[in-house]
């Protein structure tokens, strides 16, 4: 069953910001979202925030998912959310997965991250969240 929003598939960007070189989890999540009927763009490793925002604009994504294992999730997300606001993309949801300490989850949500999925989160939970929360936008 395709994950559609008002006549089009939900479009998700999965990105690996920074120097973290481990992407198995990101690839698994990307595959699961694709199998759930979403359009998925995976950026690959070592993306800058500028590259992620540029890809989000070019691909007109609904959701930006970051996979962060480096421990730099707060400064990365602060910079991303600032750039999304500057580009007028506040209606896109940002989700973060990876090695995220529980005490940092409220901090991430306070800066605008919609949801945090620590390692081991069931794929079904991630899929359901995105289907329920992706912005309802029409094709341009």
C-alpha atoms as a PDB file:
ATOM      1  CA  UNK A   1       0.000   0.000   0.000  1.00  0.00           C
ATOM      2  CA  UNK A   2       1.453   3.338  -1.026  1.00  0.00           C
ATOM      3  CA  UNK A   3       1.825   6.078   1.530  1.00  0.00           C
ATOM      4  CA  UNK A   4       0.048   8.949  -0.213  1.00  0.00           C
ATOM      5  CA  UNK A   5      -0.759  12.491   0.755  1.00  0.00           C
ATOM      6  CA  UNK A   6      -3.481  14.151  -1.260  1.00  0.00           C
ATOM      7  CA  UNK A   7      -2.680  12.294  -4.473  1.00  0.00           C
ATOM      8  CA  UNK A   8       1.062  11.866  -4.130  1.00  0.00           C
ATOM      9  CA  UNK A   9       3.512   9.697  -2.253  1.00  0.00           C
ATOM     10  CA  UNK A  10       5.159  10.956   0.907  1.00  0.00           C
ATOM     11  CA  UNK A  11       8.692  11.993  -0.025  1.00  0.00           C
ATOM     12  CA  UNK A  12      11.419  11.377   2.553  1.00  0.00           C
ATOM     13  CA  UNK A  13      15.050  12.444   2.565  1.00  0.00           C
ATOM     14  CA  UNK A  14      17.350  10.253   4.678  1.00  0.00           C
ATOM     15  CA  UNK A  15      20.680  11.929   5.399  1.00  0.00           C
ATOM     16  CA  UNK A  16      23.904  11.149   7.266  1.00  0.00           C
ATOM     17  CA  UNK A  17      25.339  14.470   8.448  1.00  0.00           C
ATOM     18  CA  UNK A  18      28.918  14.959   9.557  1.00  0.00           C
ATOM     19  CA  UNK A  19      31.818  12.569   9.735  1.00  0.00           C
ATOM     20  CA  UNK A  20      29.930   9.528  10.990  1.00  0.00           C
ATOM     21  CA  UNK A  21      30.780   6.662   8.644  1.00  0.00           C
ATOM     22  CA  UNK A  22      28.167   4.118   9.724  1.00  0.00           C
ATOM     23  CA  UNK A  23      25.069   3.971   7.562  1.00  0.00           C
ATOM     24  CA  UNK A  24      23.615   0.482   7.938  1.00  0.00           C
ATOM     25  CA  UNK A  25      20.720   1.752  10.078  1.00  0.00           C
ATOM     26  CA  UNK A  26      19.979   4.626   7.683  1.00  0.00           C
ATOM     27  CA  UNK A  27      19.883   2.215   4.748  1.00  0.00           C
ATOM     28  CA  UNK A  28      17.558  -0.162   6.620  1.00  0.00           C
ATOM     29  CA  UNK A  29      15.170   2.674   7.490  1.00  0.00           C
ATOM     30  CA  UNK A  30      15.287   4.001   3.907  1.00  0.00           C
ATOM     31  CA  UNK A  31      14.448   0.550   2.553  1.00  0.00           C
ATOM     32  CA  UNK A  32      11.587   0.076   5.047  1.00  0.00           C
ATOM     33  CA  UNK A  33      10.074   3.452   4.145  1.00  0.00           C
ATOM     34  CA  UNK A  34      10.344   2.631   0.438  1.00  0.00           C
ATOM     35  CA  UNK A  35       8.667  -0.725   1.031  1.00  0.00           C
ATOM     36  CA  UNK A  36       5.898   1.145   2.885  1.00  0.00           C
ATOM     37  CA  UNK A  37       5.155   3.079  -0.323  1.00  0.00           C
ATOM     38  CA  UNK A  38       7.118   6.273   0.222  1.00  0.00           C
ATOM     39  CA  UNK A  39       9.518   7.952  -2.187  1.00  0.00           C
ATOM     40  CA  UNK A  40      12.902   7.879  -0.468  1.00  0.00           C
ATOM     41  CA  UNK A  41      16.086   9.752  -1.296  1.00  0.00           C
ATOM     42  CA  UNK A  42      19.217   8.606   0.547  1.00  0.00           C
ATOM     43  CA  UNK A  43      22.044  11.134   0.427  1.00  0.00           C
ATOM     44  CA  UNK A  44      24.886   8.856   1.440  1.00  0.00           C
ATOM     45  CA  UNK A  45      27.576   9.536   4.012  1.00  0.00           C
ATOM     46  CA  UNK A  46      29.281  12.744   5.151  1.00  0.00           C
ATOM     47  CA  UNK A  47      26.655  15.307   4.170  1.00  0.00           C
ATOM     48  CA  UNK A  48      26.867  18.926   5.260  1.00  0.00           C
ATOM     49  CA  UNK A  49      23.791  20.770   6.464  1.00  0.00           C
ATOM     50  CA  UNK A  50      23.989  22.909   3.301  1.00  0.00           C
ATOM     51  CA  UNK A  51      23.922  19.760   1.146  1.00  0.00           C
ATOM     52  CA  UNK A  52      20.986  18.312   3.095  1.00  0.00           C
ATOM     53  CA  UNK A  53      18.932  21.510   2.812  1.00  0.00           C
ATOM     54  CA  UNK A  54      19.808  21.869  -0.869  1.00  0.00           C
ATOM     55  CA  UNK A  55      18.677  18.293  -1.563  1.00  0.00           C
ATOM     56  CA  UNK A  56      15.482  18.844   0.450  1.00  0.00           C
ATOM     57  CA  UNK A  57      14.692  21.867  -1.734  1.00  0.00           C
ATOM     58  CA  UNK A  58      15.622  20.205  -5.042  1.00  0.00           C
ATOM     59  CA  UNK A  59      13.647  17.057  -4.260  1.00  0.00           C
ATOM     60  CA  UNK A  60      10.735  18.923  -2.592  1.00  0.00           C
ATOM     61  CA  UNK A  61      10.650  16.467   0.304  1.00  0.00           C
ATOM     62  CA  UNK A  62       8.022  16.288   3.016  1.00  0.00           C
ATOM     63  CA  UNK A  63      10.219  14.701   5.664  1.00  0.00           C
ATOM     64  CA  UNK A  64      13.910  15.010   6.507  1.00  0.00           C
ATOM     65  CA  UNK A  65      15.304  12.104   8.486  1.00  0.00           C
ATOM     66  CA  UNK A  66      18.766  12.362   9.984  1.00  0.00           C
ATOM     67  CA  UNK A  67      20.775   9.368  11.140  1.00  0.00           C
ATOM     68  CA  UNK A  68      23.313  10.537  13.712  1.00  0.00           C
ATOM     69  CA  UNK A  69      25.661   8.262  15.617  1.00  0.00           C
ATOM     70  CA  UNK A  70      28.432  10.785  16.314  1.00  0.00           C
ATOM     71  CA  UNK A  71      27.029  12.438  19.440  1.00  0.00           C
ATOM     72  CA  UNK A  72      26.759  15.803  17.665  1.00  0.00           C
ATOM     73  CA  UNK A  73      22.980  15.587  17.252  1.00  0.00           C
ATOM     74  CA  UNK A  74      22.128  18.829  19.087  1.00  0.00           C
ATOM     75  CA  UNK A  75      24.438  21.230  17.178  1.00  0.00           C
ATOM     76  CA  UNK A  76      23.647  19.478  13.886  1.00  0.00           C
ATOM     77  CA  UNK A  77      19.899  19.777  14.458  1.00  0.00           C
ATOM     78  CA  UNK A  78      20.169  23.395  15.634  1.00  0.00           C
ATOM     79  CA  UNK A  79      21.976  24.318  12.428  1.00  0.00           C
ATOM     80  CA  UNK A  80      19.552  22.324  10.248  1.00  0.00           C
ATOM     81  CA  UNK A  81      16.452  23.846  11.827  1.00  0.00           C
ATOM     82  CA  UNK A  82      17.899  27.356  11.443  1.00  0.00           C
ATOM     83  CA  UNK A  83      18.617  26.792   7.740  1.00  0.00           C
ATOM     84  CA  UNK A  84      15.198  25.239   7.109  1.00  0.00           C
ATOM     85  CA  UNK A  85      13.588  28.328   8.624  1.00  0.00           C
ATOM     86  CA  UNK A  86      15.770  30.623   6.478  1.00  0.00           C
ATOM     87  CA  UNK A  87      14.662  28.704   3.372  1.00  0.00           C
ATOM     88  CA  UNK A  88      10.973  28.781   4.326  1.00  0.00           C
ATOM     89  CA  UNK A  89      10.775  25.029   4.878  1.00  0.00           C
ATOM     90  CA  UNK A  90       9.285  25.052   8.371  1.00  0.00           C
ATOM     91  CA  UNK A  91       6.371  22.928   7.166  1.00  0.00           C
ATOM     92  CA  UNK A  92       8.662  19.927   6.572  1.00  0.00           C
ATOM     93  CA  UNK A  93       9.060  17.569   9.473  1.00  0.00           C
ATOM     94  CA  UNK A  94      12.452  16.569  10.781  1.00  0.00           C
ATOM     95  CA  UNK A  95      13.005  13.242  12.496  1.00  0.00           C
ATOM     96  CA  UNK A  96      16.246  11.983  13.985  1.00  0.00           C
ATOM     97  CA  UNK A  97      17.472   8.484  14.655  1.00  0.00           C
ATOM     98  CA  UNK A  98      20.626   6.947  15.998  1.00  0.00           C
ATOM     99  CA  UNK A  99      22.513   7.068  19.249  1.00  0.00           C
ATOM    100  CA  UNK A 100      20.499   9.699  21.105  1.00  0.00           C
ATOM    101  CA  UNK A 101      20.566   9.807  24.924  1.00  0.00           C
ATOM    102  CA  UNK A 102      17.059   9.967  26.431  1.00  0.00           C
ATOM    103  CA  UNK A 103      17.887  13.221  28.219  1.00  0.00           C
ATOM    104  CA  UNK A 104      18.588  14.892  24.846  1.00  0.00           C
ATOM    105  CA  UNK A 105      15.214  14.043  23.296  1.00  0.00           C
ATOM    106  CA  UNK A 106      13.366  16.999  24.926  1.00  0.00           C
ATOM    107  CA  UNK A 107      16.192  19.328  23.823  1.00  0.00           C
ATOM    108  CA  UNK A 108      15.863  18.139  20.220  1.00  0.00           C
ATOM    109  CA  UNK A 109      12.097  18.547  20.275  1.00  0.00           C
ATOM    110  CA  UNK A 110      12.467  22.052  21.741  1.00  0.00           C
ATOM    111  CA  UNK A 111      14.521  23.139  18.717  1.00  0.00           C
ATOM    112  CA  UNK A 112      11.923  21.772  16.309  1.00  0.00           C
ATOM    113  CA  UNK A 113      12.698  18.100  15.718  1.00  0.00           C
ATOM    114  CA  UNK A 114       9.306  16.403  15.386  1.00  0.00           C
ATOM    115  CA  UNK A 115      10.346  12.969  16.676  1.00  0.00           C
ATOM    116  CA  UNK A 116      13.400  11.046  17.812  1.00  0.00           C
ATOM    117  CA  UNK A 117      13.899   7.347  17.138  1.00  0.00           C
ATOM    118  CA  UNK A 118      16.765   5.915  19.202  1.00  0.00           C
ATOM    119  CA  UNK A 119      18.547   2.833  17.920  1.00  0.00           C
ATOM    120  CA  UNK A 120      16.352  -0.247  18.139  1.00  0.00           C
ATOM    121  CA  UNK A 121      13.080   1.581  17.443  1.00  0.00           C
ATOM    122  CA  UNK A 122      10.785  -0.785  15.519  1.00  0.00           C
ATOM    123  CA  UNK A 123      10.558   0.118  11.835  1.00  0.00           C
ATOM    124  CA  UNK A 124       6.760  -0.062  12.025  1.00  0.00           C
ATOM    125  CA  UNK A 125       6.803   2.745  14.593  1.00  0.00           C
ATOM    126  CA  UNK A 126       8.886   4.978  12.322  1.00  0.00           C
ATOM    127  CA  UNK A 127       6.661   4.243   9.312  1.00  0.00           C
ATOM    128  CA  UNK A 128       3.459   4.910  11.267  1.00  0.00           C
ATOM    129  CA  UNK A 129       4.778   8.178  12.664  1.00  0.00           C
ATOM    130  CA  UNK A 130       5.752   9.491   9.250  1.00  0.00           C
ATOM    131  CA  UNK A 131       2.435   8.450   7.678  1.00  0.00           C
ATOM    132  CA  UNK A 132       0.522  10.201  10.469  1.00  0.00           C
ATOM    133  CA  UNK A 133       2.631  13.361  10.614  1.00  0.00           C
ATOM    134  CA  UNK A 134       3.926  14.129   7.119  1.00  0.00           C
ATOM    135  CA  UNK A 135       2.710  17.562   6.021  1.00  0.00           C
ATOM    136  CA  UNK A 136      -0.295  17.531   3.746  1.00  0.00           C
ATOM    137  CA  UNK A 137       1.122  19.346   0.749  1.00  0.00           C
ATOM    138  CA  UNK A 138       0.007  19.331  -2.860  1.00  0.00           C
ATOM    139  CA  UNK A 139       2.314  18.877  -5.811  1.00  0.00           C
ATOM    140  CA  UNK A 140       3.774  22.132  -7.025  1.00  0.00           C
END
